[in-house]
Each structure stands twice: as C-alpha cells, then as structure tokens.
Amino acid sequence: MRRRGSGREYRRRMFHVELAKSFKRVPGDVLIELRERLREIGKTLGTLPVGSNLWSSLEASGMILDLEGWRFEYRVDVKARLIMVDAAVFRGK
C-alpha cells in the first residue's frame, strides 16, 4: 500500500534544476554546490500549498543566489516545476 505524499505524488511536486547555458567560467565545485542548494529550494517550494499567494510573486520576480563570490540569477517556472539558472557573474570574494 502506498502512503499519501510518497512515490509518484511526491516526484510530481518537486522542482527540477536546469542551466540555461553552460557556465564554463564557473568552477565545477561551485556548480555542484549551486545545484545542491537549488534542489533544496525546489524541495521547499514543493511543499507550498497550490493556492499560496507566493506562487505569482515567484514567477514575476527574478531570484538571486550568491555563492563563493559568484552571483547566480534564476527564475521559477511553476507550471513546468522548473528552476532555471539564467546568469552567473563573478563578483569577487
């Protein structure tokens, strides 16, 4: 017997992380950490109620994550259940 909130139902709620392009200048370990952090953000987003007012704000706003001197700009596509990284800029440490 499958419990509610597990298996297929849970996977459907998760967000996937994608890079809009290859960020060749970003060190590999930073990209790994970026993906891990965005996956955690995606897991948290997956727990929000469908009717939450936060969804429209998330889709309308660009998001920023600073990591080891790099600034990553990303957006959330609620319908596609996607977190897309659009830009990476080194700002220094």
Protein backbone atom coordinates (compact mmCIF):
# COMPACT_ATOMS: atom_id res chain seq x y z
CA MET A 1 0.00 0.00 0.00
CA ARG A 2 1.38 3.40 -0.98
CA ARG A 3 1.20 6.18 1.59
CA ARG A 4 -0.05 9.60 0.62
CA GLY A 5 2.70 12.04 -0.25
CA SER A 6 5.13 9.38 -1.32
CA GLY A 7 6.29 7.96 -4.63
CA ARG A 8 4.80 9.43 -7.75
CA GLU A 9 2.78 12.14 -5.99
CA TYR A 10 5.93 13.46 -4.30
CA ARG A 11 8.00 13.45 -7.51
CA ARG A 12 5.32 15.41 -9.30
CA ARG A 13 5.63 18.18 -6.71
CA MET A 14 9.42 18.52 -6.91
CA PHE A 15 11.15 21.19 -8.95
CA HIS A 16 13.96 20.36 -11.37
CA VAL A 17 17.08 22.50 -11.76
CA GLU A 18 18.44 23.41 -15.20
CA LEU A 19 21.12 25.74 -16.51
CA ALA A 20 20.08 27.95 -19.44
CA LYS A 21 23.59 27.59 -20.87
CA SER A 22 26.92 26.09 -19.88
CA PHE A 23 28.73 28.32 -17.45
CA LYS A 24 32.29 27.39 -18.44
CA ARG A 25 33.95 30.05 -16.30
CA VAL A 26 32.25 28.83 -13.11
CA PRO A 27 34.36 26.24 -11.24
CA GLY A 28 32.89 22.74 -11.21
CA ASP A 29 32.67 22.54 -7.41
CA VAL A 30 30.69 25.81 -7.35
CA LEU A 31 28.26 24.44 -9.95
CA ILE A 32 27.79 21.30 -7.87
CA GLU A 33 27.04 23.38 -4.77
CA LEU A 34 24.69 25.59 -6.80
CA ARG A 35 22.68 22.58 -7.97
CA GLU A 36 22.51 21.19 -4.43
CA ARG A 37 21.24 24.45 -2.98
CA LEU A 38 18.69 24.94 -5.75
CA ARG A 39 17.46 21.36 -5.30
CA GLU A 40 16.87 22.16 -1.63
CA ILE A 41 14.98 25.30 -2.65
CA GLY A 42 12.98 23.16 -5.07
CA LYS A 43 12.11 20.67 -2.32
CA THR A 44 10.89 23.51 -0.14
CA LEU A 45 8.83 25.01 -2.96
CA GLY A 46 7.25 21.61 -3.50
CA THR A 47 5.78 21.77 0.00
CA LEU A 48 3.92 25.04 -0.57
CA PRO A 49 0.14 24.89 -0.96
CA VAL A 50 -1.09 25.15 -4.54
CA GLY A 51 -3.23 28.18 -3.70
CA SER A 52 -0.43 30.13 -2.00
CA ASN A 53 -0.09 33.80 -2.98
CA LEU A 54 3.67 33.27 -3.10
CA TRP A 55 3.48 31.49 -6.48
CA SER A 56 2.58 34.58 -8.51
CA SER A 57 5.35 36.55 -6.82
CA LEU A 58 7.90 33.82 -7.55
CA GLU A 59 7.00 33.72 -11.23
CA ALA A 60 7.06 37.51 -11.60
CA SER A 61 10.40 38.02 -9.85
CA GLY A 62 13.91 37.02 -10.72
CA MET A 63 15.78 35.36 -7.90
CA ILE A 64 19.43 35.68 -6.84
CA LEU A 65 21.75 33.26 -5.09
CA ASP A 66 25.24 34.35 -4.04
CA LEU A 67 27.75 31.54 -3.67
CA GLU A 68 31.53 31.70 -3.18
CA GLY A 69 31.92 35.05 -4.91
CA TRP A 70 29.52 34.17 -7.74
CA ARG A 71 26.07 35.65 -8.22
CA PHE A 72 23.55 33.41 -9.96
CA GLU A 73 20.28 34.71 -11.32
CA TYR A 74 17.49 32.20 -11.61
CA ARG A 75 13.75 32.06 -12.16
CA VAL A 76 10.99 29.75 -11.11
CA ASP A 77 8.55 28.30 -13.64
CA VAL A 78 5.71 26.98 -11.52
CA LYS A 79 3.80 25.20 -14.29
CA ALA A 80 6.90 23.40 -15.57
CA ARG A 81 8.10 22.75 -11.98
CA LEU A 82 11.45 24.19 -13.03
CA ILE A 83 14.21 26.35 -11.54
CA MET A 84 16.20 27.82 -14.43
CA VAL A 85 19.61 29.45 -13.88
CA ASP A 86 19.94 32.25 -16.43
CA ALA A 87 23.14 34.07 -15.50
CA ALA A 88 26.36 33.79 -13.50
CA VAL A 89 28.64 36.70 -12.66
CA PHE A 90 31.82 36.59 -10.57
CA ARG A 91 31.67 39.40 -8.03
CA GLY A 92 34.80 38.51 -6.04
CA LYS A 93 35.24 37.22 -2.53
